[in-house]
Amino acid sequence: MTAFGKLVRTTAFRLTLVYLLLFALFAASLLAYFAWNTRRLITEEITQTVNAETSEINEIYGRRGLRGLVLAIEYRALRPGANLYLVTTPTGQAIAGNVGSLAPGVMATPGWSETAYRRIEDADDRDHRALVRVTELENGFRLLIGRDLDERRRLFGIVAKAAQWSILIVVVLGLGGGIFVARRVLRRIDAMTGTAQRIMTGDLSERLPVGRSGDELDRLAENLNAMLERIEALMAGLKEVSDNIAHDLKTPLTRLRNRAEEALAKSGCEADYRAALERTIEESDGLIRTFNALLMIARAESGQARGNMDDFDAAEVANGIHELYEPLAEDDGMALKVKAEAAPIHGNRELISQALANLVENAIKYGKPAAQAAGTVVSMDSRQITIEARREDDHVLLSVADRGPGIPEADRKHVVERFVRLEASRTLPGSGLGLSLASAVATLHGGELRLGDAQPGLVATLVLPARAGAGDRVAPPMQDVPQKVA
């Protein structure tokens, strides 16, 4: 397709033509109304002038008779730019005036009419048009007074010529403006198309050009760039997951195979085989939990869980998690406490419960004070883990605070990545997906996961938007039991 063909097929050019047609019709209608109104005003002025003069002539005829009428008509007919005058006898013979000829039947009908005429002094044979009034006098005489319509005709011609030039200028300027706008829009669309084609070839780092005008194309480009950034992040996450699965899951799968091979080679009795199978099942359960965690993270990051959102009270989630994990914390020498106030929220209850459970599990495993980890007896306050649910302005905060070693500030951005585990926790069981899931769940709900310093220890907080217009009504008690994800 040629460049001009692409130009005329653009929406901007077509819209310009439509607006041009509408504007031309509007301009033509406006000029036509002006011409009609001007014609009406001239006609009214003529009729007023003729009526006034007719009254004067009738008064003269009443005072001075026919002779005075003829003298007045002859005098007025000789003035420059004079009106049309004609006095006829009852038989139709002209006795005074400046009209040489009229259309047949004009003098026979009293009243107003528009007629062709010629003055007595006219040298050419061209007929003129006039608006005349015929009045019947006493004794059968008739009086005609009129005004030439040449002035009205000239004014109408001026308006018509102005209309022609105006429409021509509108069309030329409209087409020029349409081509300019269409070329400008087409140039920007072509730039977007070229970028989109490079993106389709696999270069997800490309972004659509954004101008400085802030118009609808700029807003569209900004939204598409935000979408591309999200797609690039998801693709990077997918690649990261693939790499992590290939590296981090290779070790447990290898260990699982080696144990099965060792059981076949060395086990000689049923008890040995049974022990080997139990270890295999335990290792398999760990792999299944890891894959389930990856699936939940993928669901949260892709937004698939938005269809299962409902209204509920975050305080009930906190109380449910406390009830579920309190025995586990006590068995591990920790004290699990809860502080919850009404905090209505709209979201996926299962995922939020799972995210809070992950934070509690991390606090139980990694939140022991250094002295307790070394076997020294510490106070109950030092072994306390606190779950808190509260509302703060337009957000609901679900936090878990411990008294452990915490996480250095430099590492807090990295611990939310998949399979990332700090050096101090590598000897403990887990896969490094708990904080990743919590962060993905917070992002799904339009919030964030904040990691802060509890002085000492770590405070992990899910900051989620509160339910709009939330009152005292809350959802039924929590029935979701989260699965354990390290």
Protein backbone atom coordinates (compact mmCIF):
# COMPACT_ATOMS: atom_id res chain seq x y z
CA MET A 1 0.00 0.00 0.00
CA THR A 2 1.28 3.47 -0.91
CA ALA A 3 1.94 6.16 1.68
CA PHE A 4 -1.03 8.20 0.41
CA GLY A 5 -3.25 5.13 0.53
CA LYS A 6 -2.27 4.51 4.15
CA LEU A 7 -2.91 8.17 4.85
CA VAL A 8 -6.46 8.30 3.50
CA ARG A 9 -7.36 5.04 5.26
CA THR A 10 -6.49 6.39 8.69
CA THR A 11 -9.27 7.09 11.20
CA ALA A 12 -7.94 10.61 11.76
CA PHE A 13 -8.29 11.46 8.04
CA ARG A 14 -11.79 10.02 7.86
CA LEU A 15 -12.87 11.90 10.96
CA THR A 16 -11.41 15.06 9.45
CA LEU A 17 -13.53 14.56 6.33
CA VAL A 18 -16.64 14.05 8.42
CA TYR A 19 -15.95 17.18 10.47
CA LEU A 20 -15.15 19.07 7.26
CA LEU A 21 -18.50 18.07 5.72
CA LEU A 22 -20.37 19.05 8.89
CA PHE A 23 -18.56 22.38 9.12
CA ALA A 24 -19.16 23.13 5.43
CA LEU A 25 -22.88 22.39 5.86
CA PHE A 26 -22.96 24.60 8.93
CA ALA A 27 -21.18 27.45 7.12
CA ALA A 28 -23.49 27.14 4.10
CA SER A 29 -26.55 27.13 6.35
CA LEU A 30 -25.27 30.19 8.21
CA LEU A 31 -24.63 32.10 4.96
CA ALA A 32 -28.01 31.07 3.56
CA TYR A 33 -29.72 32.32 6.71
CA PHE A 34 -27.79 35.57 6.48
CA ALA A 35 -28.78 36.03 2.83
CA TRP A 36 -32.43 35.24 3.51
CA ASN A 37 -32.55 37.56 6.51
CA THR A 38 -30.89 40.35 4.53
CA ARG A 39 -33.38 39.87 1.69
CA ARG A 40 -36.24 40.06 4.18
CA LEU A 41 -34.90 43.23 5.77
CA ILE A 42 -34.47 44.96 2.37
CA THR A 43 -37.98 43.94 1.37
CA GLU A 44 -39.40 45.31 4.62
CA GLU A 45 -37.49 48.58 4.13
CA ILE A 46 -38.86 48.89 0.58
CA THR A 47 -42.43 48.24 1.67
CA GLN A 48 -42.19 50.78 4.49
CA THR A 49 -40.76 53.42 2.12
CA VAL A 50 -43.40 52.73 -0.55
CA ASN A 51 -46.24 52.72 1.96
CA ALA A 52 -45.12 56.06 3.40
CA GLU A 53 -44.80 57.63 -0.03
CA THR A 54 -48.16 56.22 -1.15
CA SER A 55 -49.80 57.87 1.84
CA GLU A 56 -48.15 61.19 0.95
CA ILE A 57 -49.26 61.00 -2.70
CA ASN A 58 -52.82 60.10 -1.71
CA GLU A 59 -52.89 63.10 0.60
CA ILE A 60 -51.65 65.38 -2.21
CA TYR A 61 -54.29 63.97 -4.55
CA GLY A 62 -56.96 64.60 -1.96
CA ARG A 63 -55.89 68.24 -1.51
CA ARG A 64 -54.84 69.30 -5.03
CA GLY A 65 -56.63 66.90 -7.29
CA LEU A 66 -55.32 65.24 -10.45
CA ARG A 67 -53.22 68.22 -11.54
CA GLY A 68 -51.43 68.37 -8.18
CA LEU A 69 -50.91 64.61 -8.32
CA VAL A 70 -49.31 64.78 -11.79
CA LEU A 71 -47.02 67.65 -10.78
CA ALA A 72 -45.89 65.82 -7.64
CA ILE A 73 -45.21 62.62 -9.58
CA GLU A 74 -43.26 64.42 -12.32
CA TYR A 75 -41.18 66.25 -9.73
CA ARG A 76 -40.34 63.11 -7.75
CA ALA A 77 -39.61 61.05 -10.86
CA LEU A 78 -36.84 63.47 -11.87
CA ARG A 79 -34.86 63.12 -8.60
CA PRO A 80 -31.63 61.05 -8.68
CA GLY A 81 -32.23 57.47 -7.53
CA ALA A 82 -35.97 58.02 -7.70
CA ASN A 83 -38.53 55.34 -7.01
CA LEU A 84 -40.85 54.07 -9.73
CA TYR A 85 -43.95 56.18 -10.34
CA LEU A 86 -46.85 55.72 -12.73
CA VAL A 87 -50.34 57.24 -12.92
CA THR A 88 -52.87 55.82 -15.39
CA THR A 89 -56.40 56.75 -16.46
CA PRO A 90 -59.32 54.37 -15.95
CA THR A 91 -58.66 53.12 -19.49
CA GLY A 92 -55.02 52.30 -18.63
CA GLN A 93 -53.36 55.23 -20.42
CA ALA A 94 -50.24 56.57 -18.69
CA ILE A 95 -50.42 60.27 -17.83
CA ALA A 96 -47.38 60.70 -15.52
CA GLY A 97 -44.38 58.78 -14.18
CA ASN A 98 -41.01 57.34 -15.11
CA VAL A 99 -42.08 53.77 -16.01
CA GLY A 100 -41.90 52.92 -19.68
CA SER A 101 -43.32 49.39 -19.60
CA LEU A 102 -44.64 46.80 -17.14
CA ALA A 103 -45.57 43.20 -17.17
CA PRO A 104 -49.15 42.72 -18.40
CA GLY A 105 -51.89 42.91 -15.77
CA VAL A 106 -49.87 44.63 -13.04
CA MET A 107 -51.94 47.85 -13.05
CA ALA A 108 -55.18 45.93 -13.15
CA THR A 109 -54.62 44.35 -9.73
CA PRO A 110 -54.36 46.65 -6.70
CA GLY A 111 -51.83 45.63 -4.03
CA TRP A 112 -48.26 44.40 -3.91
CA SER A 113 -46.47 42.52 -6.68
CA GLU A 114 -42.99 41.86 -8.00
CA THR A 115 -42.74 42.65 -11.68
CA ALA A 116 -40.39 43.23 -14.57
CA TYR A 117 -40.21 46.83 -15.83
CA ARG A 118 -38.27 49.37 -17.90
CA ARG A 119 -37.82 53.06 -17.17
CA ILE A 120 -38.62 55.63 -19.82
CA GLU A 121 -35.01 56.85 -19.94
CA ASP A 122 -33.45 53.35 -20.17
CA ALA A 123 -31.29 53.02 -23.27
CA ASP A 124 -30.96 49.23 -23.18
CA ASP A 125 -33.69 46.66 -23.69
CA ARG A 126 -32.89 44.72 -20.49
CA ASP A 127 -35.79 44.32 -18.08
CA HIS A 128 -35.35 45.13 -14.40
CA ARG A 129 -37.19 43.79 -11.39
CA ALA A 130 -39.10 45.92 -8.93
CA LEU A 131 -41.41 45.56 -5.97
CA VAL A 132 -44.45 47.78 -6.60
CA ARG A 133 -47.74 48.73 -4.97
CA VAL A 134 -50.77 49.62 -7.08
CA THR A 135 -53.44 51.88 -5.48
CA GLU A 136 -56.83 52.70 -7.01
CA LEU A 137 -57.70 56.43 -6.71
CA GLU A 138 -61.05 58.21 -7.07
CA ASN A 139 -62.68 58.30 -10.45
CA GLY A 140 -60.89 55.11 -11.54
CA PHE A 141 -57.36 56.51 -11.74
CA ARG A 142 -54.56 54.18 -10.60
CA LEU A 143 -51.27 54.97 -8.87
CA LEU A 144 -48.14 52.75 -8.95
CA ILE A 145 -45.20 53.36 -6.62
CA GLY A 146 -42.31 50.88 -6.43
CA ARG A 147 -38.67 50.33 -5.81
CA ASP A 148 -36.02 48.67 -7.94
CA LEU A 149 -34.73 45.33 -6.57
CA ASP A 150 -31.29 45.64 -8.09
CA GLU A 151 -29.79 46.47 -4.70
CA ARG A 152 -31.23 43.27 -3.26
CA ARG A 153 -29.92 41.29 -6.23
CA ARG A 154 -26.41 42.75 -5.89
CA LEU A 155 -26.31 41.98 -2.17
CA PHE A 156 -27.44 38.42 -2.80
CA GLY A 157 -24.71 38.03 -5.42
CA ILE A 158 -22.11 39.28 -2.95
CA VAL A 159 -23.29 36.80 -0.35
CA ALA A 160 -23.34 33.95 -2.88
CA LYS A 161 -19.81 34.72 -4.03
CA ALA A 162 -18.64 34.97 -0.43
CA ALA A 163 -20.28 31.63 0.28
CA GLN A 164 -18.48 30.02 -2.65
CA TRP A 165 -15.09 31.33 -1.59
CA SER A 166 -15.74 30.50 2.05
CA ILE A 167 -16.66 26.91 1.29
CA LEU A 168 -13.65 26.59 -1.03
CA ILE A 169 -11.32 27.93 1.68
CA VAL A 170 -12.91 25.65 4.29
CA VAL A 171 -12.45 22.62 2.02
CA VAL A 172 -8.82 23.47 1.21
CA LEU A 173 -7.87 24.24 4.80
CA GLY A 174 -9.83 21.24 6.08
CA LEU A 175 -8.12 18.85 3.67
CA GLY A 176 -4.73 20.36 4.49
CA GLY A 177 -5.40 20.10 8.21
CA GLY A 178 -6.72 16.57 7.82
CA ILE A 179 -3.61 15.47 5.95
CA PHE A 180 -1.37 17.13 8.55
CA VAL A 181 -3.21 15.51 11.49
CA ALA A 182 -3.45 12.14 9.78
CA ARG A 183 0.28 12.15 8.92
CA ARG A 184 1.17 13.07 12.49
CA VAL A 185 -1.07 10.36 13.95
CA LEU A 186 0.09 7.85 11.33
CA ARG A 187 3.73 8.58 12.15
CA ARG A 188 3.11 7.86 15.83
CA ILE A 189 1.07 4.74 15.06
CA ASP A 190 3.84 3.49 12.75
CA ALA A 191 6.37 4.03 15.56
CA MET A 192 4.16 2.03 17.93
CA THR A 193 3.69 -0.68 15.30
CA GLY A 194 7.46 -0.97 14.75
CA THR A 195 8.03 -1.29 18.48
CA ALA A 196 5.26 -3.88 18.75
CA GLN A 197 6.83 -5.91 15.94
CA ARG A 198 10.20 -5.88 17.72
CA ILE A 199 8.47 -6.98 20.91
CA MET A 200 6.78 -9.84 19.04
CA THR A 201 10.18 -11.04 17.88
CA GLY A 202 11.11 -11.56 21.54
CA ASP A 203 12.66 -8.28 22.69
CA LEU A 204 10.48 -7.62 25.75
CA SER A 205 12.69 -4.73 26.84
CA GLU A 206 11.27 -2.51 24.07
CA ARG A 207 8.78 0.19 25.09
CA LEU A 208 6.33 2.28 23.09
CA PRO A 209 7.41 5.90 22.55
CA VAL A 210 5.65 8.42 24.78
CA GLY A 211 5.45 12.08 23.81
CA ARG A 212 5.15 15.13 26.02
CA SER A 213 1.65 16.21 24.98
CA GLY A 214 -0.16 13.88 27.35
CA ASP A 215 -2.87 13.13 24.78
CA GLU A 216 -4.82 9.91 24.38
CA LEU A 217 -2.03 8.24 22.40
CA ASP A 218 0.46 9.06 25.14
CA ARG A 219 -1.90 7.67 27.78
CA LEU A 220 -2.41 4.54 25.69
CA ALA A 221 1.36 4.14 25.28
CA GLU A 222 1.89 4.57 29.03
CA ASN A 223 -0.70 1.92 29.84
CA LEU A 224 0.72 -0.46 27.24
CA ASN A 225 4.23 0.13 28.59
CA ALA A 226 2.97 -0.69 32.08
CA MET A 227 1.43 -3.86 30.67
CA LEU A 228 4.70 -4.71 28.91
CA GLU A 229 6.62 -4.20 32.13
CA ARG A 230 4.22 -6.57 33.85
CA ILE A 231 4.59 -9.13 31.06
CA GLU A 232 8.38 -8.79 31.17
CA ALA A 233 8.32 -9.29 34.94
CA LEU A 234 6.10 -12.38 34.56
CA MET A 235 8.35 -13.80 31.85
CA ALA A 236 11.41 -13.12 33.99
CA GLY A 237 9.64 -14.81 36.89
CA LEU A 238 8.81 -17.78 34.69
CA LYS A 239 12.43 -18.06 33.61
CA GLU A 240 13.52 -17.72 37.21
CA VAL A 241 11.10 -20.44 38.27
CA SER A 242 12.36 -22.70 35.51
CA ASP A 243 15.97 -22.08 36.52
CA ASN A 244 15.17 -22.56 40.20
CA ILE A 245 13.31 -25.78 39.54
CA ALA A 246 16.20 -27.02 37.46
CA HIS A 247 18.77 -26.20 40.15
CA ASP A 248 17.05 -26.24 43.55
CA LEU A 249 14.84 -29.27 42.93
CA LYS A 250 17.58 -31.27 41.31
CA THR A 251 19.20 -31.95 44.72
CA PRO A 252 16.11 -33.43 46.46
CA LEU A 253 15.24 -35.47 43.37
CA THR A 254 18.80 -36.81 43.23
CA ARG A 255 18.67 -37.55 46.95
CA LEU A 256 15.37 -39.36 46.46
CA ARG A 257 16.83 -41.51 43.70
CA ASN A 258 19.99 -42.30 45.67
CA ARG A 259 17.98 -43.43 48.67
CA ALA A 260 15.85 -45.69 46.52
CA GLU A 261 18.98 -47.10 44.88
CA GLU A 262 20.64 -47.56 48.27
CA ALA A 263 17.57 -49.35 49.60
CA LEU A 264 17.65 -51.77 46.67
CA ALA A 265 21.38 -52.38 47.05
CA LYS A 266 21.80 -52.61 50.83
CA SER A 267 18.47 -53.39 52.46
CA GLY A 268 18.13 -57.02 53.36
CA CYS A 269 14.95 -57.18 55.41
CA GLU A 270 11.44 -55.80 55.45
CA ALA A 271 12.26 -53.25 58.17
CA ASP A 272 15.03 -51.74 56.03
CA TYR A 273 12.73 -51.51 53.03
CA ARG A 274 10.01 -49.96 55.16
CA ALA A 275 12.38 -47.34 56.56
CA ALA A 276 13.62 -46.53 53.04
CA LEU A 277 10.04 -46.14 51.81
CA GLU A 278 9.14 -43.85 54.70
CA ARG A 279 12.13 -41.63 53.95
CA THR A 280 11.13 -41.61 50.28
CA ILE A 281 7.56 -40.64 51.14
CA GLU A 282 8.80 -37.87 53.43
CA GLU A 283 11.08 -36.53 50.71
CA SER A 284 8.21 -36.76 48.18
CA ASP A 285 5.90 -34.82 50.50
CA GLY A 286 8.48 -32.06 50.67
CA LEU A 287 8.67 -31.91 46.87
CA ILE A 288 4.86 -31.84 46.61
CA ARG A 289 4.72 -28.95 49.08
CA THR A 290 7.31 -27.11 47.04
CA PHE A 291 5.37 -27.59 43.80
CA ASN A 292 2.12 -26.56 45.51
CA ALA A 293 3.80 -23.41 46.75
CA LEU A 294 5.05 -22.62 43.24
CA LEU A 295 1.55 -23.15 41.86
CA MET A 296 0.04 -20.84 44.48
CA ILE A 297 2.64 -18.16 43.71
CA ALA A 298 1.90 -18.50 40.00
CA ARG A 299 -1.85 -18.17 40.64
CA ALA A 300 -1.31 -15.08 42.76
CA GLU A 301 1.08 -13.38 40.31
CA SER A 302 -1.11 -14.10 37.29
CA GLY A 303 -4.25 -12.76 39.00
CA GLN A 304 -6.22 -15.99 38.55
CA ALA A 305 -7.30 -15.91 42.21
CA ARG A 306 -9.24 -12.65 41.81
CA GLY A 307 -12.40 -14.60 41.00
CA ASN A 308 -12.54 -16.13 44.50
CA MET A 309 -12.54 -12.90 46.49
CA ASP A 310 -15.05 -12.20 49.23
CA ASP A 311 -15.64 -9.95 52.24
CA PHE A 312 -14.32 -11.18 55.59
CA ASP A 313 -12.67 -10.01 58.79
CA ALA A 314 -8.88 -10.17 58.90
CA ALA A 315 -9.08 -10.51 62.69
CA GLU A 316 -10.76 -13.89 62.31
CA VAL A 317 -7.97 -15.04 60.01
CA ALA A 318 -5.40 -14.00 62.62
CA ASN A 319 -7.31 -15.80 65.39
CA GLY A 320 -7.63 -18.92 63.24
CA ILE A 321 -3.91 -18.99 62.45
CA HIS A 322 -3.11 -18.50 66.14
CA GLU A 323 -5.35 -21.41 67.12
CA LEU A 324 -3.80 -23.62 64.44
CA TYR A 325 -0.13 -22.88 65.16
CA GLU A 326 -0.13 -22.32 68.92
CA PRO A 327 0.54 -26.03 69.72
CA LEU A 328 3.34 -26.14 67.13
CA ALA A 329 4.95 -23.05 68.65
CA GLU A 330 4.74 -24.47 72.17
CA ASP A 331 6.32 -27.73 71.04
CA ASP A 332 9.19 -25.68 69.62
CA GLY A 333 9.61 -23.68 72.85
CA MET A 334 7.97 -20.51 71.52
CA ALA A 335 4.96 -18.53 72.79
CA LEU A 336 2.43 -17.51 70.12
CA LYS A 337 0.21 -14.52 70.97
CA VAL A 338 -2.45 -12.70 69.00
CA LYS A 339 -3.77 -9.14 69.07
CA ALA A 340 -6.68 -8.68 66.67
CA GLU A 341 -9.27 -5.98 66.17
CA ALA A 342 -12.05 -5.79 63.60
CA ALA A 343 -10.47 -5.21 60.19
CA PRO A 344 -12.94 -5.86 57.30
CA ILE A 345 -11.23 -6.71 54.02
CA HIS A 346 -12.14 -7.90 50.54
CA GLY A 347 -9.87 -10.57 49.10
CA ASN A 348 -9.04 -14.22 48.62
CA ARG A 349 -9.37 -15.67 52.11
CA GLU A 350 -7.46 -18.87 51.33
CA LEU A 351 -4.41 -17.06 49.96
CA ILE A 352 -4.31 -14.45 52.72
CA SER A 353 -4.57 -17.22 55.33
CA GLN A 354 -1.77 -19.12 53.61
CA ALA A 355 0.44 -16.01 53.45
CA LEU A 356 -0.08 -15.28 57.17
CA ALA A 357 0.59 -18.93 58.00
CA ASN A 358 3.88 -18.75 56.09
CA LEU A 359 4.95 -15.72 58.13
CA VAL A 360 4.10 -17.54 61.37
CA GLU A 361 5.99 -20.67 60.29
CA ASN A 362 9.04 -18.61 59.39
CA ALA A 363 8.89 -16.89 62.79
CA ILE A 364 8.67 -20.26 64.58
CA LYS A 365 11.60 -21.74 62.61
CA TYR A 366 13.91 -18.76 62.31
CA GLY A 367 12.71 -16.40 65.04
CA LYS A 368 14.35 -18.07 68.07
CA PRO A 369 16.66 -15.83 70.10
CA ALA A 370 20.35 -16.62 69.64
CA ALA A 371 20.63 -17.78 73.27
CA GLN A 372 17.71 -20.20 72.91
CA ALA A 373 19.14 -21.58 69.69
CA ALA A 374 22.37 -22.27 71.58
CA GLY A 375 20.50 -24.19 74.28
CA THR A 376 20.37 -21.45 76.91
CA VAL A 377 17.13 -20.86 78.80
CA VAL A 378 15.62 -17.46 77.98
CA SER A 379 12.62 -15.56 79.31
CA MET A 380 9.13 -16.00 77.93
CA ASP A 381 9.13 -12.47 76.49
CA SER A 382 12.20 -13.31 74.40
CA ARG A 383 10.46 -16.38 72.99
CA GLN A 384 7.23 -14.60 72.08
CA ILE A 385 5.81 -14.37 68.58
CA THR A 386 2.98 -11.87 68.11
CA ILE A 387 0.30 -12.02 65.42
CA GLU A 388 -1.50 -8.71 65.00
CA ALA A 389 -4.44 -7.65 62.85
CA ARG A 390 -5.57 -4.04 62.81
CA ARG A 391 -6.88 -1.33 60.55
CA GLU A 392 -4.82 1.75 59.85
CA ASP A 393 -6.49 4.45 57.74
CA ASP A 394 -7.45 2.79 54.44
CA HIS A 395 -5.34 -0.34 54.96
CA VAL A 396 -5.51 -3.55 56.95
CA LEU A 397 -2.23 -4.67 58.54
CA LEU A 398 -1.56 -8.34 59.26
CA SER A 399 1.83 -8.61 60.98
CA VAL A 400 3.97 -11.29 62.63
CA ALA A 401 6.78 -10.15 64.98
CA ASP A 402 9.45 -12.33 66.59
CA ARG A 403 12.51 -11.80 68.82
CA GLY A 404 15.02 -13.66 66.67
CA PRO A 405 18.09 -12.47 64.78
CA GLY A 406 15.96 -10.78 62.09
CA ILE A 407 17.01 -10.11 58.50
CA PRO A 408 19.69 -7.54 57.59
CA GLU A 409 18.25 -4.56 55.73
CA ALA A 410 20.45 -5.23 52.71
CA ASP A 411 18.93 -8.72 52.30
CA ARG A 412 15.25 -7.82 52.72
CA LYS A 413 14.71 -7.20 49.02
CA HIS A 414 16.17 -10.56 48.07
CA VAL A 415 14.50 -12.86 50.61
CA VAL A 416 11.12 -12.47 48.85
CA GLU A 417 12.54 -14.08 45.70
CA ARG A 418 11.88 -17.74 45.03
CA PHE A 419 14.21 -20.29 46.63
CA VAL A 420 16.31 -17.56 48.27
CA ARG A 421 17.57 -18.61 51.71
CA LEU A 422 20.04 -16.73 53.85
CA GLU A 423 23.25 -18.42 54.88
CA ALA A 424 22.17 -18.74 58.53
CA SER A 425 19.04 -20.72 57.61
CA ARG A 426 20.44 -23.16 55.07
CA THR A 427 20.85 -25.88 57.69
CA LEU A 428 17.14 -25.68 58.60
CA PRO A 429 14.37 -27.40 56.61
CA GLY A 430 12.54 -25.37 54.02
CA SER A 431 12.55 -24.38 50.36
CA GLY A 432 12.66 -20.56 50.49
CA LEU A 433 9.16 -20.01 49.06
CA GLY A 434 7.24 -18.77 52.10
CA LEU A 435 8.04 -15.07 51.78
CA SER A 436 7.72 -15.26 47.98
CA LEU A 437 4.14 -16.48 48.34
CA ALA A 438 3.34 -13.84 50.95
CA SER A 439 4.69 -11.09 48.69
CA ALA A 440 2.76 -12.42 45.66
CA VAL A 441 -0.49 -12.55 47.67
CA ALA A 442 -0.01 -8.97 48.87
CA THR A 443 0.64 -7.78 45.30
CA LEU A 444 -2.46 -9.63 44.06
CA HIS A 445 -4.61 -7.64 46.51
CA GLY A 446 -3.02 -4.31 45.63
CA GLY A 447 -0.83 -4.26 48.74
CA GLU A 448 2.72 -5.12 49.70
CA LEU A 449 4.83 -7.18 52.10
CA ARG A 450 6.95 -5.06 54.42
CA LEU A 451 9.90 -6.45 56.35
CA GLY A 452 11.01 -4.33 59.29
CA ASP A 453 13.13 -4.39 62.43
CA ALA A 454 11.37 -5.47 65.66
CA GLN A 455 14.41 -4.47 67.77
CA PRO A 456 15.31 -7.24 68.18
CA GLY A 457 13.82 -9.59 65.65
CA LEU A 458 11.83 -9.31 62.45
CA VAL A 459 8.35 -7.91 61.87
CA ALA A 460 6.75 -9.04 58.61
CA THR A 461 3.59 -7.13 57.68
CA LEU A 462 1.00 -7.75 54.97
CA VAL A 463 -0.34 -4.29 54.05
CA LEU A 464 -3.67 -4.79 52.25
CA PRO A 465 -6.37 -2.31 51.17
CA ALA A 466 -9.33 -2.23 53.56
CA ARG A 467 -12.78 -3.00 52.24
CA ALA A 468 -14.41 0.16 50.87
CA GLY A 469 -17.34 1.31 52.99
CA ALA A 470 -16.68 -1.41 55.54
CA GLY A 471 -18.91 -1.35 58.61
CA ASP A 472 -19.19 -3.69 61.53
CA ARG A 473 -20.40 -6.63 59.45
CA VAL A 474 -17.79 -9.35 59.01
CA ALA A 475 -17.63 -12.71 57.29
CA PRO A 476 -18.30 -16.09 58.98
CA PRO A 477 -15.51 -17.70 61.01
CA MET A 478 -12.52 -18.95 59.04
CA GLN A 479 -12.69 -22.52 57.81
CA ASP A 480 -9.59 -22.55 55.57
CA VAL A 481 -6.69 -24.57 56.92
CA PRO A 482 -3.51 -23.45 55.12
CA GLN A 483 -0.99 -25.97 54.01
CA LYS A 484 2.55 -25.62 55.31
CA VAL A 485 4.92 -23.84 52.99
CA ALA A 486 8.43 -23.10 54.20
